[in-house]
C-alpha cells in the first residue's frame, strides 16, 4: 500500500533513498529529503506491506510527474514492489504522464507497465 511520507518516517526514508546512486553522499541525501519536505510539488511516498519496504519520490508538474527516486529494500527486490509503487502512482494521478530521470529510466523501462513482470 502506498502511503504519504511523514517526518516520523524520516530515518527509514533516508535509508531507502540511500540505495539510489545519486544519494550516496550524506549532504546530497539530506538535501533531497529537505526538497521533499519543503517543495510543494515534490511528493514522497512509502510502500508498506507488513513493514515499509519501498520508497518512490516524484516531482509533480502540470501534465505529468517525474519519478526522481525509487528504491526497494534489497531483500524484497525482484518481487514486483517497484512496479506496484509506479502503478499505484499512475492510479493516484490518472491524468498525468509518467516521466523519469537518467537514474530512474532504466528501472521504468524494465517495468513495462503493460506487462506483469517487473524486476526491482
N, C-alpha and C. Protein backbone atom coordinates (compact mmCIF):
# COMPACT_ATOMS: atom_id res chain seq x y z
N UNK A 1 0.84 -1.17 0.00
CA UNK A 1 0.00 0.00 0.00
C UNK A 1 0.89 1.25 0.00
N UNK A 2 0.55 2.20 -0.84
CA UNK A 2 1.29 3.45 -0.95
C UNK A 2 0.80 4.42 0.12
N UNK A 3 1.75 4.95 0.90
CA UNK A 3 1.40 5.92 1.93
C UNK A 3 2.27 7.16 1.76
N UNK A 4 1.73 8.31 2.14
CA UNK A 4 2.50 9.55 2.06
C UNK A 4 3.56 9.60 3.15
N UNK A 5 4.68 10.18 2.80
CA UNK A 5 5.78 10.37 3.74
C UNK A 5 5.35 11.33 4.85
N UNK A 6 5.76 11.00 6.07
CA UNK A 6 5.61 11.88 7.22
C UNK A 6 6.98 11.96 7.88
N UNK A 7 7.23 13.05 8.59
CA UNK A 7 8.51 13.27 9.25
C UNK A 7 8.90 12.10 10.15
N UNK A 8 7.92 11.42 10.73
CA UNK A 8 8.23 10.29 11.62
C UNK A 8 8.87 9.12 10.87
N UNK A 9 8.76 9.12 9.53
CA UNK A 9 9.37 8.07 8.71
C UNK A 9 10.74 8.48 8.16
N UNK A 10 11.28 9.58 8.64
CA UNK A 10 12.50 10.14 8.05
C UNK A 10 13.66 9.15 7.99
N UNK A 11 13.93 8.43 9.06
CA UNK A 11 15.09 7.53 9.08
C UNK A 11 14.94 6.40 8.06
N UNK A 12 13.78 5.78 8.01
CA UNK A 12 13.59 4.70 7.04
C UNK A 12 13.61 5.25 5.62
N UNK A 13 13.05 6.43 5.41
CA UNK A 13 13.07 7.04 4.08
C UNK A 13 14.49 7.35 3.65
N UNK A 14 15.29 7.88 4.55
CA UNK A 14 16.69 8.18 4.21
C UNK A 14 17.45 6.89 3.91
N UNK A 15 17.17 5.85 4.67
CA UNK A 15 17.83 4.57 4.42
C UNK A 15 17.49 4.02 3.05
N UNK A 16 16.20 4.07 2.69
CA UNK A 16 15.78 3.59 1.38
C UNK A 16 16.35 4.47 0.26
N UNK A 17 16.32 5.77 0.46
CA UNK A 17 16.81 6.67 -0.58
C UNK A 17 18.32 6.53 -0.78
N UNK A 18 19.03 6.11 0.25
CA UNK A 18 20.48 5.97 0.14
C UNK A 18 20.89 4.87 -0.83
N UNK A 19 19.96 4.01 -1.24
CA UNK A 19 20.26 2.99 -2.24
C UNK A 19 20.35 3.59 -3.64
N UNK A 20 19.83 4.81 -3.84
CA UNK A 20 19.90 5.47 -5.14
C UNK A 20 21.33 5.91 -5.41
N UNK A 21 21.82 5.76 -6.64
CA UNK A 21 23.20 6.15 -6.96
C UNK A 21 23.49 7.62 -6.69
N UNK A 22 22.50 8.47 -6.79
CA UNK A 22 22.72 9.90 -6.59
C UNK A 22 22.75 10.31 -5.13
N UNK A 23 22.42 9.40 -4.24
CA UNK A 23 22.23 9.75 -2.83
C UNK A 23 23.29 9.12 -1.91
N UNK A 24 24.46 8.85 -2.43
CA UNK A 24 25.49 8.20 -1.62
C UNK A 24 26.14 9.15 -0.61
N UNK A 25 26.20 10.45 -0.94
CA UNK A 25 26.80 11.42 -0.03
C UNK A 25 25.73 11.95 0.92
N UNK A 26 26.06 12.05 2.20
CA UNK A 26 25.09 12.45 3.22
C UNK A 26 24.49 13.82 2.93
N UNK A 27 25.31 14.78 2.51
CA UNK A 27 24.78 16.13 2.24
C UNK A 27 23.76 16.11 1.11
N UNK A 28 24.00 15.34 0.07
CA UNK A 28 23.07 15.23 -1.05
C UNK A 28 21.78 14.56 -0.58
N UNK A 29 21.90 13.51 0.20
CA UNK A 29 20.74 12.80 0.75
C UNK A 29 19.89 13.73 1.62
N UNK A 30 20.55 14.50 2.47
CA UNK A 30 19.83 15.43 3.33
C UNK A 30 19.13 16.51 2.51
N UNK A 31 19.77 16.98 1.43
CA UNK A 31 19.15 17.99 0.57
C UNK A 31 17.92 17.42 -0.14
N UNK A 32 18.02 16.19 -0.60
CA UNK A 32 16.87 15.55 -1.25
C UNK A 32 15.70 15.43 -0.27
N UNK A 33 15.97 15.02 0.95
CA UNK A 33 14.90 14.91 1.95
C UNK A 33 14.29 16.29 2.22
N UNK A 34 15.13 17.31 2.28
CA UNK A 34 14.65 18.67 2.50
C UNK A 34 13.75 19.12 1.35
N UNK A 35 14.12 18.75 0.12
CA UNK A 35 13.30 19.09 -1.04
C UNK A 35 11.91 18.50 -0.90
N UNK A 36 11.83 17.23 -0.50
CA UNK A 36 10.52 16.59 -0.34
C UNK A 36 9.71 17.22 0.79
N UNK A 37 10.39 17.69 1.81
CA UNK A 37 9.68 18.29 2.94
C UNK A 37 9.24 19.73 2.66
N UNK A 38 9.98 20.45 1.83
CA UNK A 38 9.72 21.89 1.67
C UNK A 38 9.07 22.28 0.35
N UNK A 39 9.30 21.53 -0.71
CA UNK A 39 8.75 21.89 -2.01
C UNK A 39 7.38 21.25 -2.18
N UNK A 40 6.38 22.08 -2.45
CA UNK A 40 5.01 21.58 -2.57
C UNK A 40 4.83 20.60 -3.72
N UNK A 41 5.60 20.77 -4.80
CA UNK A 41 5.42 19.89 -5.96
C UNK A 41 6.30 18.64 -5.89
N UNK A 42 7.06 18.46 -4.83
CA UNK A 42 7.84 17.24 -4.62
C UNK A 42 7.09 16.40 -3.60
N UNK A 43 6.75 15.17 -3.98
CA UNK A 43 5.97 14.29 -3.12
C UNK A 43 6.75 12.99 -2.90
N UNK A 44 6.80 12.55 -1.67
CA UNK A 44 7.49 11.32 -1.31
C UNK A 44 6.47 10.34 -0.75
N UNK A 45 6.54 9.11 -1.23
CA UNK A 45 5.63 8.05 -0.80
C UNK A 45 6.44 6.85 -0.37
N UNK A 46 5.87 6.08 0.56
CA UNK A 46 6.49 4.85 1.03
C UNK A 46 5.56 3.70 0.68
N UNK A 47 6.15 2.52 0.46
CA UNK A 47 5.35 1.33 0.19
C UNK A 47 5.37 0.46 1.43
N UNK A 48 4.19 0.13 1.91
CA UNK A 48 4.09 -0.67 3.14
C UNK A 48 3.39 -1.99 2.84
N UNK A 49 4.04 -3.05 3.19
CA UNK A 49 3.42 -4.38 3.23
C UNK A 49 3.17 -4.60 4.73
N UNK A 50 3.91 -5.52 5.37
CA UNK A 50 3.85 -5.59 6.83
C UNK A 50 4.69 -4.46 7.42
N UNK A 51 5.80 -4.18 6.77
CA UNK A 51 6.70 -3.10 7.14
C UNK A 51 6.89 -2.21 5.91
N UNK A 52 7.55 -1.08 6.11
CA UNK A 52 7.87 -0.20 4.98
C UNK A 52 9.05 -0.82 4.24
N UNK A 53 8.85 -1.09 2.95
CA UNK A 53 9.90 -1.78 2.19
C UNK A 53 10.32 -1.02 0.93
N UNK A 54 9.65 0.07 0.62
CA UNK A 54 9.99 0.80 -0.60
C UNK A 54 9.69 2.27 -0.49
N UNK A 55 10.24 3.01 -1.45
CA UNK A 55 10.09 4.45 -1.48
C UNK A 55 10.01 4.90 -2.93
N UNK A 56 9.17 5.88 -3.20
CA UNK A 56 9.12 6.49 -4.53
C UNK A 56 8.88 7.99 -4.33
N UNK A 57 9.69 8.78 -4.99
CA UNK A 57 9.58 10.23 -4.90
C UNK A 57 9.35 10.83 -6.27
N UNK A 58 8.43 11.78 -6.33
CA UNK A 58 8.08 12.38 -7.61
C UNK A 58 8.11 13.90 -7.53
N UNK A 59 8.28 14.49 -8.70
CA UNK A 59 8.12 15.92 -8.86
C UNK A 59 6.87 16.11 -9.72
N UNK A 60 5.86 16.73 -9.15
CA UNK A 60 4.60 16.94 -9.86
C UNK A 60 4.71 18.14 -10.78
N UNK A 61 4.23 17.97 -11.98
CA UNK A 61 4.16 19.05 -12.95
C UNK A 61 2.70 19.14 -13.41
N UNK A 62 2.40 20.12 -14.24
CA UNK A 62 1.01 20.34 -14.63
C UNK A 62 0.38 19.12 -15.30
N UNK A 63 1.09 18.52 -16.26
CA UNK A 63 0.51 17.41 -17.01
C UNK A 63 1.24 16.09 -16.81
N UNK A 64 2.21 16.08 -15.90
CA UNK A 64 3.00 14.86 -15.71
C UNK A 64 3.58 14.85 -14.30
N UNK A 65 4.21 13.73 -13.98
CA UNK A 65 5.05 13.66 -12.80
C UNK A 65 6.33 12.94 -13.18
N UNK A 66 7.43 13.40 -12.59
CA UNK A 66 8.74 12.82 -12.86
C UNK A 66 9.17 11.99 -11.66
N UNK A 67 9.48 10.73 -11.90
CA UNK A 67 9.97 9.86 -10.83
C UNK A 67 11.43 10.23 -10.57
N UNK A 68 11.67 10.83 -9.43
CA UNK A 68 13.01 11.27 -9.04
C UNK A 68 13.77 10.17 -8.31
N UNK A 69 13.07 9.44 -7.47
CA UNK A 69 13.69 8.38 -6.67
C UNK A 69 12.75 7.17 -6.63
N UNK A 70 13.35 5.98 -6.69
CA UNK A 70 12.58 4.75 -6.47
C UNK A 70 13.54 3.73 -5.88
N UNK A 71 13.12 3.10 -4.81
CA UNK A 71 14.00 2.18 -4.12
C UNK A 71 13.19 1.13 -3.36
N UNK A 72 13.70 -0.08 -3.34
CA UNK A 72 13.10 -1.18 -2.58
C UNK A 72 14.20 -1.81 -1.75
N UNK A 73 13.87 -2.19 -0.52
CA UNK A 73 14.85 -2.87 0.35
C UNK A 73 15.39 -4.08 -0.41
N UNK A 74 16.72 -4.29 -0.41
CA UNK A 74 17.31 -5.38 -1.20
C UNK A 74 16.67 -6.74 -0.99
N UNK A 75 16.28 -7.08 0.20
CA UNK A 75 15.69 -8.41 0.44
C UNK A 75 14.30 -8.58 -0.19
N UNK A 76 13.71 -7.49 -0.66
CA UNK A 76 12.38 -7.55 -1.27
C UNK A 76 12.41 -7.25 -2.77
N UNK A 77 13.59 -7.13 -3.33
CA UNK A 77 13.70 -6.83 -4.75
C UNK A 77 13.33 -8.05 -5.59
N UNK A 78 12.89 -7.79 -6.81
CA UNK A 78 12.53 -8.87 -7.72
C UNK A 78 11.15 -9.45 -7.47
N UNK A 79 10.38 -8.81 -6.60
CA UNK A 79 9.05 -9.32 -6.26
C UNK A 79 7.93 -8.41 -6.76
N UNK A 80 8.28 -7.40 -7.55
CA UNK A 80 7.27 -6.55 -8.17
C UNK A 80 6.83 -5.35 -7.35
N UNK A 81 7.49 -5.07 -6.24
CA UNK A 81 7.06 -3.95 -5.40
C UNK A 81 7.34 -2.60 -6.07
N UNK A 82 8.42 -2.49 -6.80
CA UNK A 82 8.71 -1.25 -7.52
C UNK A 82 7.63 -0.95 -8.53
N UNK A 83 7.24 -1.96 -9.28
CA UNK A 83 6.16 -1.78 -10.26
C UNK A 83 4.86 -1.41 -9.56
N UNK A 84 4.57 -2.05 -8.44
CA UNK A 84 3.34 -1.74 -7.70
C UNK A 84 3.31 -0.27 -7.28
N UNK A 85 4.48 0.26 -6.89
CA UNK A 85 4.53 1.67 -6.50
C UNK A 85 4.22 2.57 -7.69
N UNK A 86 4.81 2.25 -8.85
CA UNK A 86 4.58 3.06 -10.05
C UNK A 86 3.12 2.97 -10.48
N UNK A 87 2.57 1.76 -10.50
CA UNK A 87 1.17 1.58 -10.89
C UNK A 87 0.25 2.34 -9.93
N UNK A 88 0.53 2.27 -8.65
CA UNK A 88 -0.29 2.97 -7.66
C UNK A 88 -0.25 4.48 -7.89
N UNK A 89 0.92 5.01 -8.25
CA UNK A 89 1.02 6.44 -8.54
C UNK A 89 0.24 6.81 -9.80
N UNK A 90 0.29 5.94 -10.81
CA UNK A 90 -0.47 6.24 -12.03
C UNK A 90 -1.97 6.21 -11.75
N UNK A 91 -2.39 5.44 -10.77
CA UNK A 91 -3.79 5.43 -10.37
C UNK A 91 -4.13 6.66 -9.51
N UNK A 92 -3.16 7.13 -8.74
CA UNK A 92 -3.35 8.32 -7.92
C UNK A 92 -3.43 9.58 -8.79
N UNK A 93 -2.61 9.60 -9.85
CA UNK A 93 -2.57 10.73 -10.78
C UNK A 93 -2.90 10.24 -12.19
N UNK A 94 -4.15 9.84 -12.43
CA UNK A 94 -4.51 9.17 -13.69
C UNK A 94 -4.37 10.03 -14.95
N UNK A 95 -4.42 11.33 -14.82
CA UNK A 95 -4.35 12.20 -16.00
C UNK A 95 -2.97 12.79 -16.23
N UNK A 96 -1.97 12.24 -15.55
CA UNK A 96 -0.61 12.75 -15.69
C UNK A 96 0.28 11.71 -16.34
N UNK A 97 1.12 12.16 -17.24
CA UNK A 97 2.10 11.29 -17.90
C UNK A 97 3.24 10.99 -16.92
N UNK A 98 3.85 9.82 -17.07
CA UNK A 98 4.98 9.43 -16.23
C UNK A 98 6.27 9.79 -16.95
N UNK A 99 7.14 10.55 -16.27
CA UNK A 99 8.45 10.90 -16.80
C UNK A 99 9.51 10.36 -15.83
N UNK A 100 10.73 10.26 -16.31
CA UNK A 100 11.81 9.71 -15.50
C UNK A 100 13.06 10.60 -15.61
N UNK A 101 14.02 10.30 -14.75
CA UNK A 101 15.33 10.94 -14.81
C UNK A 101 16.32 9.92 -15.37
N UNK A 102 17.54 10.34 -15.58
CA UNK A 102 18.53 9.39 -16.08
C UNK A 102 18.77 8.25 -15.09
N UNK A 103 18.42 8.46 -13.84
CA UNK A 103 18.64 7.43 -12.81
C UNK A 103 17.43 6.52 -12.62
N UNK A 104 16.26 6.93 -13.09
CA UNK A 104 15.07 6.10 -12.91
C UNK A 104 14.56 5.51 -14.23
N UNK A 105 15.08 5.97 -15.34
CA UNK A 105 14.61 5.50 -16.65
C UNK A 105 14.79 3.99 -16.83
N UNK A 106 15.97 3.47 -16.53
CA UNK A 106 16.25 2.04 -16.77
C UNK A 106 15.27 1.17 -16.00
N UNK A 107 14.98 1.53 -14.76
CA UNK A 107 14.04 0.74 -13.98
C UNK A 107 12.65 0.77 -14.61
N UNK A 108 12.19 1.96 -14.96
CA UNK A 108 10.85 2.09 -15.52
C UNK A 108 10.74 1.35 -16.86
N UNK A 109 11.81 1.35 -17.64
CA UNK A 109 11.79 0.60 -18.90
C UNK A 109 11.68 -0.90 -18.63
N UNK A 110 12.36 -1.40 -17.60
CA UNK A 110 12.26 -2.82 -17.22
C UNK A 110 10.85 -3.14 -16.74
N UNK A 111 10.19 -2.14 -16.22
CA UNK A 111 8.89 -2.25 -15.59
C UNK A 111 7.76 -2.10 -16.58
N UNK A 112 7.97 -2.38 -17.82
CA UNK A 112 6.94 -2.18 -18.84
C UNK A 112 5.58 -2.30 -18.19
N UNK A 113 4.90 -1.20 -18.05
CA UNK A 113 3.68 -1.16 -17.26
C UNK A 113 2.53 -1.96 -17.86
N UNK A 114 2.70 -2.46 -19.08
CA UNK A 114 1.68 -3.31 -19.68
C UNK A 114 1.91 -4.78 -19.39
N UNK A 115 3.03 -5.09 -18.78
CA UNK A 115 3.38 -6.48 -18.50
C UNK A 115 3.26 -6.76 -17.02
N UNK A 116 3.15 -8.03 -16.67
CA UNK A 116 3.04 -8.42 -15.27
C UNK A 116 4.39 -8.37 -14.55
N UNK A 117 5.44 -8.76 -15.24
CA UNK A 117 6.75 -8.88 -14.58
C UNK A 117 7.45 -7.54 -14.51
N UNK A 118 8.14 -7.33 -13.42
CA UNK A 118 8.94 -6.14 -13.27
C UNK A 118 10.07 -6.49 -12.31
N UNK A 119 11.27 -6.26 -12.72
CA UNK A 119 12.41 -6.54 -11.86
C UNK A 119 12.72 -5.30 -11.05
N UNK A 120 12.67 -5.42 -9.76
CA UNK A 120 13.05 -4.30 -8.91
C UNK A 120 14.14 -4.78 -8.00
